[in-house]
N, C-alpha and C. Protein backbone atom coordinates (compact mmCIF):
# COMPACT_ATOMS: atom_id res chain seq x y z
N MET A 1 -52.30 -2.86 -41.67
CA MET A 1 -51.02 -3.35 -42.10
C MET A 1 -49.93 -2.36 -41.75
N PHE A 2 -50.24 -1.10 -41.91
CA PHE A 2 -49.28 -0.06 -41.57
C PHE A 2 -48.91 -0.11 -40.11
N LYS A 3 -49.87 -0.31 -39.23
CA LYS A 3 -49.61 -0.40 -37.81
C LYS A 3 -48.70 -1.57 -37.49
N LEU A 4 -48.87 -2.68 -38.14
CA LEU A 4 -48.06 -3.85 -37.89
C LEU A 4 -46.60 -3.59 -38.26
N ARG A 5 -46.38 -2.98 -39.39
CA ARG A 5 -45.02 -2.65 -39.79
C ARG A 5 -44.40 -1.67 -38.79
N HIS A 6 -45.16 -0.71 -38.39
CA HIS A 6 -44.66 0.30 -37.45
C HIS A 6 -44.26 -0.36 -36.12
N ILE A 7 -45.05 -1.26 -35.63
CA ILE A 7 -44.77 -1.97 -34.39
C ILE A 7 -43.52 -2.82 -34.55
N SER A 8 -43.40 -3.53 -35.62
CA SER A 8 -42.22 -4.36 -35.86
C SER A 8 -40.97 -3.50 -35.92
N TYR A 9 -41.03 -2.39 -36.57
CA TYR A 9 -39.89 -1.49 -36.68
C TYR A 9 -39.48 -0.97 -35.30
N CYS A 10 -40.43 -0.61 -34.48
CA CYS A 10 -40.14 -0.12 -33.13
C CYS A 10 -39.50 -1.21 -32.28
N LEU A 11 -39.96 -2.43 -32.40
CA LEU A 11 -39.37 -3.52 -31.63
C LEU A 11 -37.94 -3.80 -32.05
N ILE A 12 -37.69 -3.77 -33.33
CA ILE A 12 -36.34 -3.99 -33.83
C ILE A 12 -35.44 -2.85 -33.39
N LEU A 13 -35.91 -1.63 -33.53
CA LEU A 13 -35.12 -0.47 -33.10
C LEU A 13 -34.86 -0.54 -31.60
N GLY A 14 -35.85 -0.92 -30.81
CA GLY A 14 -35.70 -1.05 -29.36
C GLY A 14 -34.70 -2.14 -29.01
N ALA A 15 -34.77 -3.26 -29.68
CA ALA A 15 -33.83 -4.34 -29.42
C ALA A 15 -32.42 -3.94 -29.80
N GLY A 16 -32.27 -3.24 -30.88
CA GLY A 16 -30.95 -2.76 -31.30
C GLY A 16 -30.37 -1.78 -30.31
N THR A 17 -31.18 -0.89 -29.82
CA THR A 17 -30.72 0.08 -28.84
C THR A 17 -30.34 -0.62 -27.54
N PHE A 18 -31.14 -1.59 -27.12
CA PHE A 18 -30.84 -2.33 -25.90
C PHE A 18 -29.52 -3.09 -26.03
N THR A 19 -29.31 -3.73 -27.15
CA THR A 19 -28.08 -4.48 -27.38
C THR A 19 -26.89 -3.53 -27.42
N HIS A 20 -27.04 -2.43 -28.07
CA HIS A 20 -25.94 -1.47 -28.18
C HIS A 20 -25.58 -0.91 -26.79
N THR A 21 -26.59 -0.57 -26.02
CA THR A 21 -26.33 -0.06 -24.68
C THR A 21 -25.63 -1.11 -23.82
N GLY A 22 -26.05 -2.34 -23.93
CA GLY A 22 -25.41 -3.42 -23.20
C GLY A 22 -23.94 -3.56 -23.57
N CYS A 23 -23.58 -3.43 -24.79
CA CYS A 23 -22.18 -3.54 -25.23
C CYS A 23 -21.35 -2.39 -24.69
N VAL A 24 -21.90 -1.18 -24.67
CA VAL A 24 -21.16 -0.03 -24.17
C VAL A 24 -20.87 -0.22 -22.69
N ASN A 25 -21.83 -0.69 -21.93
CA ASN A 25 -21.61 -0.93 -20.51
C ASN A 25 -20.53 -1.98 -20.30
N ASP A 26 -20.57 -3.06 -21.04
CA ASP A 26 -19.55 -4.09 -20.93
C ASP A 26 -18.17 -3.54 -21.27
N LEU A 27 -18.08 -2.74 -22.31
CA LEU A 27 -16.80 -2.15 -22.72
C LEU A 27 -16.28 -1.21 -21.64
N ARG A 28 -17.15 -0.45 -21.04
CA ARG A 28 -16.72 0.45 -19.95
C ARG A 28 -16.19 -0.36 -18.76
N ASP A 29 -16.89 -1.45 -18.44
CA ASP A 29 -16.43 -2.30 -17.34
C ASP A 29 -15.06 -2.89 -17.64
N VAL A 30 -14.87 -3.32 -18.88
CA VAL A 30 -13.58 -3.89 -19.28
C VAL A 30 -12.49 -2.83 -19.18
N GLU A 31 -12.77 -1.62 -19.67
CA GLU A 31 -11.79 -0.53 -19.58
C GLU A 31 -11.47 -0.19 -18.13
N LYS A 32 -12.49 -0.18 -17.28
CA LYS A 32 -12.29 0.12 -15.86
C LYS A 32 -11.40 -0.94 -15.21
N ILE A 33 -11.70 -2.22 -15.47
CA ILE A 33 -10.91 -3.30 -14.91
C ILE A 33 -9.49 -3.26 -15.47
N SER A 34 -9.37 -2.98 -16.76
CA SER A 34 -8.06 -2.92 -17.39
C SER A 34 -7.21 -1.80 -16.79
N SER A 35 -7.79 -0.62 -16.59
CA SER A 35 -7.02 0.48 -16.00
C SER A 35 -6.69 0.19 -14.54
N TYR A 36 -7.56 -0.49 -13.83
CA TYR A 36 -7.30 -0.86 -12.44
C TYR A 36 -6.11 -1.81 -12.37
N ASN A 37 -6.06 -2.78 -13.25
CA ASN A 37 -4.94 -3.72 -13.25
C ASN A 37 -3.63 -3.04 -13.59
N HIS A 38 -3.65 -2.03 -14.44
CA HIS A 38 -2.42 -1.31 -14.77
C HIS A 38 -1.93 -0.45 -13.62
N SER A 39 -2.84 0.00 -12.75
CA SER A 39 -2.43 0.84 -11.63
C SER A 39 -1.88 0.01 -10.48
N MET A 40 -2.13 -1.28 -10.46
CA MET A 40 -1.62 -2.16 -9.41
C MET A 40 -0.16 -2.50 -9.70
N PRO A 41 0.74 -2.30 -8.73
CA PRO A 41 2.16 -2.62 -8.99
C PRO A 41 2.38 -4.12 -9.05
N THR A 42 3.39 -4.50 -9.81
CA THR A 42 3.81 -5.89 -9.84
C THR A 42 4.62 -6.14 -8.58
N VAL A 43 4.37 -7.27 -7.94
CA VAL A 43 5.05 -7.59 -6.69
C VAL A 43 5.74 -8.95 -6.84
N ASP A 44 7.04 -8.97 -6.59
CA ASP A 44 7.78 -10.23 -6.50
C ASP A 44 7.89 -10.59 -5.03
N ILE A 45 7.58 -11.82 -4.68
CA ILE A 45 7.64 -12.28 -3.30
C ILE A 45 8.75 -13.32 -3.19
N SER A 46 9.69 -13.08 -2.26
CA SER A 46 10.76 -14.04 -2.00
C SER A 46 10.71 -14.42 -0.53
N THR A 47 10.97 -15.69 -0.22
CA THR A 47 10.98 -16.14 1.17
C THR A 47 12.36 -16.67 1.53
N GLY A 48 12.68 -16.60 2.83
CA GLY A 48 13.98 -17.06 3.31
C GLY A 48 15.13 -16.31 2.65
N VAL A 49 15.07 -14.99 2.67
CA VAL A 49 15.99 -14.14 1.92
C VAL A 49 17.24 -13.81 2.74
N GLU A 50 18.39 -13.90 2.10
CA GLU A 50 19.66 -13.43 2.66
C GLU A 50 20.33 -12.57 1.59
N ILE A 51 20.59 -11.31 1.94
CA ILE A 51 21.20 -10.36 1.02
C ILE A 51 22.58 -10.02 1.54
N ILE A 52 23.58 -10.10 0.69
CA ILE A 52 24.95 -9.75 1.05
C ILE A 52 25.33 -8.47 0.31
N TYR A 53 25.75 -7.46 1.06
CA TYR A 53 26.25 -6.22 0.47
C TYR A 53 27.77 -6.23 0.57
N SER A 54 28.41 -5.94 -0.56
CA SER A 54 29.87 -5.92 -0.56
C SER A 54 30.37 -4.72 -1.35
N ASP A 55 31.62 -4.36 -1.08
CA ASP A 55 32.30 -3.28 -1.80
C ASP A 55 33.71 -3.77 -2.10
N SER A 56 34.07 -3.82 -3.35
CA SER A 56 35.38 -4.31 -3.78
C SER A 56 35.66 -5.70 -3.21
N ALA A 57 34.67 -6.58 -3.31
CA ALA A 57 34.75 -7.98 -2.87
C ALA A 57 34.90 -8.14 -1.35
N VAL A 58 34.63 -7.09 -0.59
CA VAL A 58 34.65 -7.16 0.87
C VAL A 58 33.21 -7.05 1.37
N VAL A 59 32.76 -8.05 2.12
CA VAL A 59 31.39 -8.05 2.63
C VAL A 59 31.24 -6.95 3.68
N LYS A 60 30.25 -6.10 3.46
CA LYS A 60 29.98 -5.00 4.38
C LYS A 60 28.80 -5.29 5.30
N ALA A 61 27.80 -6.02 4.77
CA ALA A 61 26.60 -6.30 5.56
C ALA A 61 25.90 -7.55 5.05
N LYS A 62 25.16 -8.17 5.96
CA LYS A 62 24.32 -9.31 5.61
C LYS A 62 22.94 -9.05 6.21
N ILE A 63 21.93 -9.13 5.36
CA ILE A 63 20.56 -8.87 5.79
C ILE A 63 19.74 -10.14 5.56
N THR A 64 18.99 -10.55 6.58
CA THR A 64 18.13 -11.71 6.45
C THR A 64 16.70 -11.31 6.81
N THR A 65 15.75 -11.91 6.11
CA THR A 65 14.34 -11.68 6.37
C THR A 65 13.55 -12.90 5.93
N PRO A 66 12.49 -13.25 6.66
CA PRO A 66 11.69 -14.40 6.25
C PRO A 66 10.96 -14.18 4.93
N GLU A 67 10.61 -12.91 4.64
CA GLU A 67 9.87 -12.61 3.41
C GLU A 67 10.20 -11.21 2.92
N LEU A 68 10.48 -11.11 1.62
CA LEU A 68 10.77 -9.81 1.00
C LEU A 68 9.79 -9.61 -0.14
N LEU A 69 9.10 -8.48 -0.12
CA LEU A 69 8.19 -8.10 -1.20
C LEU A 69 8.86 -6.99 -1.99
N HIS A 70 9.07 -7.23 -3.28
CA HIS A 70 9.68 -6.21 -4.15
C HIS A 70 8.59 -5.64 -5.04
N PHE A 71 8.27 -4.35 -4.86
CA PHE A 71 7.22 -3.67 -5.61
C PHE A 71 7.84 -2.96 -6.80
N LYS A 72 7.40 -3.34 -8.00
CA LYS A 72 7.90 -2.75 -9.24
C LYS A 72 6.95 -1.62 -9.64
N THR A 73 7.32 -0.41 -9.26
CA THR A 73 6.54 0.77 -9.56
C THR A 73 7.47 1.82 -10.17
N ASP A 74 6.96 3.02 -10.37
CA ASP A 74 7.82 4.11 -10.83
C ASP A 74 8.89 4.43 -9.79
N ARG A 75 8.57 4.18 -8.55
CA ARG A 75 9.51 4.37 -7.44
C ARG A 75 9.60 3.04 -6.69
N PRO A 76 10.39 2.09 -7.21
CA PRO A 76 10.42 0.74 -6.63
C PRO A 76 10.87 0.73 -5.18
N TYR A 77 10.35 -0.26 -4.45
CA TYR A 77 10.73 -0.41 -3.04
C TYR A 77 10.61 -1.86 -2.63
N ASP A 78 11.33 -2.21 -1.56
CA ASP A 78 11.27 -3.53 -0.95
C ASP A 78 10.64 -3.40 0.42
N GLU A 79 9.76 -4.33 0.75
CA GLU A 79 9.10 -4.30 2.05
C GLU A 79 9.34 -5.63 2.75
N MET A 80 9.68 -5.55 4.03
CA MET A 80 9.92 -6.73 4.86
C MET A 80 8.97 -6.67 6.04
N LYS A 81 7.79 -7.23 5.86
CA LYS A 81 6.72 -7.14 6.86
C LYS A 81 6.88 -8.13 8.00
N LYS A 82 7.70 -9.17 7.81
CA LYS A 82 7.83 -10.21 8.83
C LYS A 82 9.13 -10.10 9.61
N GLY A 83 9.74 -8.92 9.58
CA GLY A 83 10.95 -8.70 10.36
C GLY A 83 12.21 -8.76 9.52
N VAL A 84 13.29 -8.24 10.11
CA VAL A 84 14.57 -8.18 9.41
C VAL A 84 15.69 -8.16 10.44
N LYS A 85 16.83 -8.72 10.04
CA LYS A 85 18.04 -8.63 10.84
C LYS A 85 19.18 -8.23 9.91
N ALA A 86 19.94 -7.24 10.33
CA ALA A 86 21.09 -6.77 9.55
C ALA A 86 22.34 -6.86 10.42
N ILE A 87 23.41 -7.43 9.87
CA ILE A 87 24.69 -7.52 10.56
C ILE A 87 25.71 -6.77 9.70
N PHE A 88 26.47 -5.87 10.33
CA PHE A 88 27.46 -5.06 9.63
C PHE A 88 28.87 -5.53 10.00
N PHE A 89 29.77 -5.52 9.03
CA PHE A 89 31.13 -6.04 9.22
C PHE A 89 32.18 -4.99 8.88
N ASP A 90 33.37 -5.11 9.52
CA ASP A 90 34.50 -4.26 9.14
C ASP A 90 35.29 -4.96 8.04
N GLN A 91 36.43 -4.38 7.65
CA GLN A 91 37.24 -4.93 6.56
C GLN A 91 37.83 -6.30 6.89
N ASN A 92 37.91 -6.66 8.19
CA ASN A 92 38.41 -7.97 8.61
C ASN A 92 37.30 -8.99 8.84
N GLN A 93 36.09 -8.66 8.39
CA GLN A 93 34.91 -9.51 8.54
C GLN A 93 34.49 -9.72 10.00
N GLN A 94 34.84 -8.76 10.86
CA GLN A 94 34.41 -8.78 12.25
C GLN A 94 33.12 -7.95 12.36
N GLU A 95 32.17 -8.44 13.12
CA GLU A 95 30.91 -7.74 13.28
C GLU A 95 31.12 -6.43 14.03
N THR A 96 30.60 -5.34 13.45
CA THR A 96 30.70 -4.02 14.10
C THR A 96 29.39 -3.62 14.76
N SER A 97 28.28 -4.08 14.22
CA SER A 97 26.97 -3.77 14.80
C SER A 97 25.92 -4.67 14.15
N ASN A 98 24.75 -4.71 14.80
CA ASN A 98 23.63 -5.44 14.21
C ASN A 98 22.34 -4.75 14.59
N ILE A 99 21.32 -4.99 13.79
CA ILE A 99 20.01 -4.37 14.00
C ILE A 99 18.94 -5.41 13.74
N ILE A 100 17.91 -5.42 14.59
CA ILE A 100 16.72 -6.21 14.32
C ILE A 100 15.52 -5.28 14.39
N ALA A 101 14.49 -5.60 13.60
CA ALA A 101 13.26 -4.81 13.61
C ALA A 101 12.12 -5.70 13.14
N ASP A 102 10.91 -5.35 13.55
CA ASP A 102 9.73 -6.11 13.15
C ASP A 102 9.30 -5.79 11.72
N TYR A 103 9.74 -4.64 11.18
CA TYR A 103 9.29 -4.21 9.86
C TYR A 103 10.39 -3.34 9.24
N ALA A 104 10.53 -3.44 7.92
CA ALA A 104 11.48 -2.56 7.21
C ALA A 104 10.98 -2.30 5.80
N ILE A 105 11.34 -1.14 5.29
CA ILE A 105 11.06 -0.79 3.91
C ILE A 105 12.29 -0.08 3.34
N ARG A 106 12.72 -0.52 2.16
CA ARG A 106 13.87 0.08 1.49
C ARG A 106 13.37 0.79 0.24
N ARG A 107 13.58 2.09 0.20
CA ARG A 107 13.15 2.91 -0.93
C ARG A 107 14.34 3.10 -1.86
N GLU A 108 14.25 2.47 -3.01
CA GLU A 108 15.39 2.37 -3.93
C GLU A 108 15.90 3.72 -4.41
N HIS A 109 15.01 4.58 -4.90
CA HIS A 109 15.46 5.86 -5.46
C HIS A 109 15.92 6.86 -4.40
N GLU A 110 15.40 6.75 -3.20
CA GLU A 110 15.75 7.69 -2.14
C GLU A 110 17.00 7.26 -1.37
N ASN A 111 17.47 6.03 -1.56
CA ASN A 111 18.62 5.50 -0.82
C ASN A 111 18.36 5.52 0.69
N ILE A 112 17.14 5.15 1.06
CA ILE A 112 16.73 5.17 2.47
C ILE A 112 16.15 3.81 2.85
N VAL A 113 16.49 3.36 4.05
CA VAL A 113 15.88 2.16 4.63
C VAL A 113 15.23 2.59 5.93
N GLU A 114 13.94 2.32 6.07
CA GLU A 114 13.21 2.65 7.29
C GLU A 114 12.95 1.37 8.06
N LEU A 115 13.42 1.33 9.30
CA LEU A 115 13.18 0.20 10.21
C LEU A 115 12.16 0.67 11.23
N ARG A 116 11.13 -0.15 11.46
CA ARG A 116 10.06 0.27 12.36
C ARG A 116 9.65 -0.88 13.28
N LYS A 117 9.09 -0.52 14.40
CA LYS A 117 8.52 -1.45 15.39
C LYS A 117 9.60 -2.29 16.06
N ASN A 118 9.81 -2.03 17.32
CA ASN A 118 10.76 -2.80 18.14
C ASN A 118 12.16 -2.87 17.52
N VAL A 119 12.67 -1.72 17.17
CA VAL A 119 14.00 -1.66 16.56
C VAL A 119 15.05 -1.69 17.67
N VAL A 120 16.01 -2.61 17.52
CA VAL A 120 17.09 -2.73 18.49
C VAL A 120 18.40 -2.84 17.72
N ALA A 121 19.30 -1.89 17.98
CA ALA A 121 20.64 -1.91 17.37
C ALA A 121 21.66 -2.10 18.47
N THR A 122 22.68 -2.90 18.20
CA THR A 122 23.74 -3.17 19.17
C THR A 122 25.08 -2.97 18.49
N ASN A 123 26.00 -2.21 19.13
CA ASN A 123 27.33 -2.03 18.54
C ASN A 123 28.31 -3.03 19.15
N LYS A 124 29.55 -3.03 18.66
CA LYS A 124 30.51 -4.04 19.11
C LYS A 124 30.91 -3.87 20.58
N ASP A 125 30.69 -2.69 21.17
CA ASP A 125 30.97 -2.47 22.59
C ASP A 125 29.81 -2.89 23.49
N GLY A 126 28.72 -3.34 22.90
CA GLY A 126 27.57 -3.79 23.68
C GLY A 126 26.56 -2.72 24.00
N LYS A 127 26.71 -1.51 23.46
CA LYS A 127 25.70 -0.47 23.64
C LYS A 127 24.46 -0.85 22.83
N ILE A 128 23.31 -0.68 23.47
CA ILE A 128 22.05 -1.06 22.85
C ILE A 128 21.23 0.21 22.61
N PHE A 129 20.74 0.34 21.39
CA PHE A 129 19.91 1.47 20.98
C PHE A 129 18.52 0.93 20.67
N LYS A 130 17.49 1.45 21.38
CA LYS A 130 16.12 0.98 21.16
C LYS A 130 15.24 2.14 20.75
N SER A 131 14.37 1.89 19.77
CA SER A 131 13.43 2.90 19.31
C SER A 131 12.33 2.22 18.51
N ASP A 132 11.28 2.95 18.20
CA ASP A 132 10.24 2.43 17.31
C ASP A 132 10.53 2.78 15.86
N GLU A 133 11.63 3.53 15.64
CA GLU A 133 11.99 3.94 14.29
C GLU A 133 13.50 4.12 14.20
N LEU A 134 14.05 3.65 13.11
CA LEU A 134 15.46 3.90 12.83
C LEU A 134 15.58 3.99 11.31
N ILE A 135 16.14 5.07 10.84
CA ILE A 135 16.25 5.28 9.40
C ILE A 135 17.72 5.33 9.01
N TRP A 136 18.06 4.55 7.97
CA TRP A 136 19.41 4.56 7.41
C TRP A 136 19.38 5.44 6.18
N ASP A 137 20.20 6.50 6.19
CA ASP A 137 20.34 7.38 5.03
C ASP A 137 21.67 7.03 4.37
N ASN A 138 21.60 6.34 3.25
CA ASN A 138 22.81 5.89 2.57
C ASN A 138 23.61 7.05 1.98
N ASN A 139 22.95 8.15 1.67
CA ASN A 139 23.67 9.32 1.12
C ASN A 139 24.55 9.97 2.18
N GLN A 140 24.08 10.00 3.43
CA GLN A 140 24.85 10.63 4.52
C GLN A 140 25.59 9.60 5.37
N HIS A 141 25.40 8.32 5.10
CA HIS A 141 26.03 7.23 5.86
C HIS A 141 25.79 7.37 7.36
N ARG A 142 24.52 7.52 7.71
CA ARG A 142 24.17 7.63 9.13
C ARG A 142 22.77 7.10 9.38
N PHE A 143 22.58 6.67 10.62
CA PHE A 143 21.27 6.28 11.11
C PHE A 143 20.70 7.47 11.88
N TYR A 144 19.38 7.62 11.84
CA TYR A 144 18.74 8.64 12.66
C TYR A 144 17.32 8.22 13.00
N SER A 145 16.79 8.89 14.02
CA SER A 145 15.41 8.65 14.43
C SER A 145 14.83 9.95 14.98
N THR A 146 13.58 10.19 14.67
CA THR A 146 12.86 11.33 15.23
C THR A 146 11.86 10.87 16.29
N LYS A 147 11.99 9.61 16.70
CA LYS A 147 11.14 9.04 17.73
C LYS A 147 11.96 8.90 19.02
N LEU A 148 11.29 8.60 20.11
CA LEU A 148 11.98 8.40 21.38
C LEU A 148 13.00 7.27 21.25
N VAL A 149 14.14 7.46 21.90
CA VAL A 149 15.22 6.48 21.84
C VAL A 149 15.72 6.20 23.25
N THR A 150 16.13 4.95 23.46
CA THR A 150 16.76 4.54 24.71
C THR A 150 18.11 3.94 24.36
N ILE A 151 19.16 4.42 25.04
CA ILE A 151 20.50 3.88 24.83
C ILE A 151 20.96 3.28 26.16
N ILE A 152 21.29 2.00 26.10
CA ILE A 152 21.65 1.26 27.32
C ILE A 152 23.12 0.83 27.21
N THR A 153 23.89 1.18 28.23
CA THR A 153 25.28 0.72 28.34
C THR A 153 25.40 -0.01 29.68
N PRO A 154 26.53 -0.66 29.94
CA PRO A 154 26.67 -1.33 31.24
C PRO A 154 26.52 -0.39 32.43
N ASN A 155 26.85 0.91 32.26
CA ASN A 155 26.85 1.85 33.38
C ASN A 155 25.72 2.86 33.39
N GLN A 156 25.00 2.98 32.28
CA GLN A 156 23.98 4.03 32.25
C GLN A 156 22.88 3.72 31.25
N THR A 157 21.75 4.37 31.46
CA THR A 157 20.63 4.33 30.53
C THR A 157 20.25 5.77 30.22
N VAL A 158 20.20 6.09 28.94
CA VAL A 158 19.92 7.46 28.50
C VAL A 158 18.70 7.43 27.59
N TYR A 159 17.83 8.42 27.77
CA TYR A 159 16.64 8.55 26.94
C TYR A 159 16.74 9.86 26.18
N GLY A 160 16.20 9.89 24.97
CA GLY A 160 16.20 11.12 24.19
C GLY A 160 15.00 11.18 23.27
N THR A 161 14.71 12.38 22.78
CA THR A 161 13.56 12.57 21.90
C THR A 161 13.90 12.22 20.45
N GLU A 162 15.15 12.32 20.07
CA GLU A 162 15.62 11.91 18.75
C GLU A 162 17.13 11.81 18.78
N PHE A 163 17.71 11.15 17.76
CA PHE A 163 19.16 11.00 17.75
C PHE A 163 19.64 10.66 16.35
N TRP A 164 20.96 10.72 16.19
CA TRP A 164 21.60 10.20 14.97
C TRP A 164 22.89 9.51 15.39
N ALA A 165 23.32 8.55 14.56
CA ALA A 165 24.55 7.79 14.86
C ALA A 165 25.27 7.48 13.55
N ASN A 166 26.59 7.28 13.66
CA ASN A 166 27.34 6.86 12.47
C ASN A 166 26.97 5.41 12.13
N ASP A 167 27.52 4.90 11.05
CA ASP A 167 27.11 3.58 10.57
C ASP A 167 27.51 2.43 11.49
N LYS A 168 28.45 2.64 12.39
CA LYS A 168 28.87 1.59 13.33
C LYS A 168 28.31 1.80 14.74
N PHE A 169 27.54 2.85 14.93
CA PHE A 169 26.98 3.20 16.24
C PHE A 169 28.08 3.45 17.28
N THR A 170 29.25 3.90 16.83
CA THR A 170 30.32 4.23 17.77
C THR A 170 30.28 5.70 18.16
N TYR A 171 29.67 6.54 17.33
CA TYR A 171 29.47 7.95 17.66
C TYR A 171 27.99 8.26 17.46
N TYR A 172 27.41 8.96 18.43
CA TYR A 172 26.00 9.31 18.32
C TYR A 172 25.74 10.60 19.07
N GLU A 173 24.65 11.26 18.70
CA GLU A 173 24.19 12.47 19.38
C GLU A 173 22.70 12.32 19.66
N ILE A 174 22.32 12.75 20.88
CA ILE A 174 20.93 12.63 21.33
C ILE A 174 20.39 14.02 21.62
N LYS A 175 19.15 14.27 21.29
CA LYS A 175 18.51 15.54 21.62
C LYS A 175 17.64 15.35 22.86
N GLN A 176 17.64 16.34 23.71
CA GLN A 176 16.84 16.38 24.94
C GLN A 176 17.00 15.09 25.74
N SER A 177 18.24 14.80 26.08
CA SER A 177 18.53 13.55 26.78
C SER A 177 18.27 13.66 28.28
N THR A 178 17.83 12.55 28.84
CA THR A 178 17.65 12.41 30.28
C THR A 178 18.13 11.01 30.67
N GLY A 179 18.33 10.77 31.95
CA GLY A 179 18.73 9.44 32.40
C GLY A 179 19.79 9.53 33.48
N ASN A 180 20.35 8.38 33.80
CA ASN A 180 21.44 8.37 34.78
C ASN A 180 22.76 8.32 34.01
N PHE A 181 23.60 9.33 34.23
CA PHE A 181 24.85 9.48 33.50
C PHE A 181 26.03 9.11 34.38
N ASP A 182 26.96 8.38 33.81
CA ASP A 182 28.19 8.00 34.52
C ASP A 182 29.20 9.11 34.30
N VAL A 183 29.49 9.87 35.34
CA VAL A 183 30.47 10.95 35.24
C VAL A 183 31.68 10.67 36.14
N SER A 184 31.85 9.43 36.55
CA SER A 184 32.95 9.10 37.48
C SER A 184 34.33 9.25 36.83
N ASN A 185 34.42 9.15 35.53
CA ASN A 185 35.70 9.29 34.85
C ASN A 185 36.00 10.71 34.41
N LYS A 186 35.12 11.62 34.68
CA LYS A 186 35.29 13.01 34.27
C LYS A 186 36.09 13.78 35.30
N GLN A 187 37.03 14.57 34.81
CA GLN A 187 37.81 15.42 35.72
C GLN A 187 37.21 16.80 35.77
N ILE A 188 37.09 17.30 36.96
CA ILE A 188 36.53 18.65 37.14
C ILE A 188 37.71 19.62 37.27
N PRO A 189 37.73 20.66 36.46
CA PRO A 189 38.86 21.61 36.51
C PRO A 189 38.89 22.43 37.78
């Protein structure tokens, strides 16, 4: 009789231990999944987006993209994976320049917009700036690139290793430039 009680007690204790261990594993899995979900940023997806930037009721720029992903994180950002087009205007609503790119990301806290892949900017004089990267620094009000750049005008094509330009692409500087330069209007002293 003693052996029977002992066996029953061991089975109950074993079943209790098995059940308890099973619950701890389930709780760990739930905690793991819960922490994983909290680490994933919330993403708002908008399609057919047109953004108008204005200052004192004067439109400064219009940006269009087929899809905008807004990531809500500690450092929020917008991503435009399907391309973007930006048109910039003067105070008379005349276009001063435009930019197209296959990809863009706007980093909210840094005041930076990175344009990547097949970036083409055109100013009102018809100068074309091509690169695989173009970064807008809103704090300095300038575009820059540390990638190869090609600048095409009606009379010349210039290549450089990096460059920066003002917000209208009317003034720019190129590093290590090469190409065919039009010097016919230059006077030699």
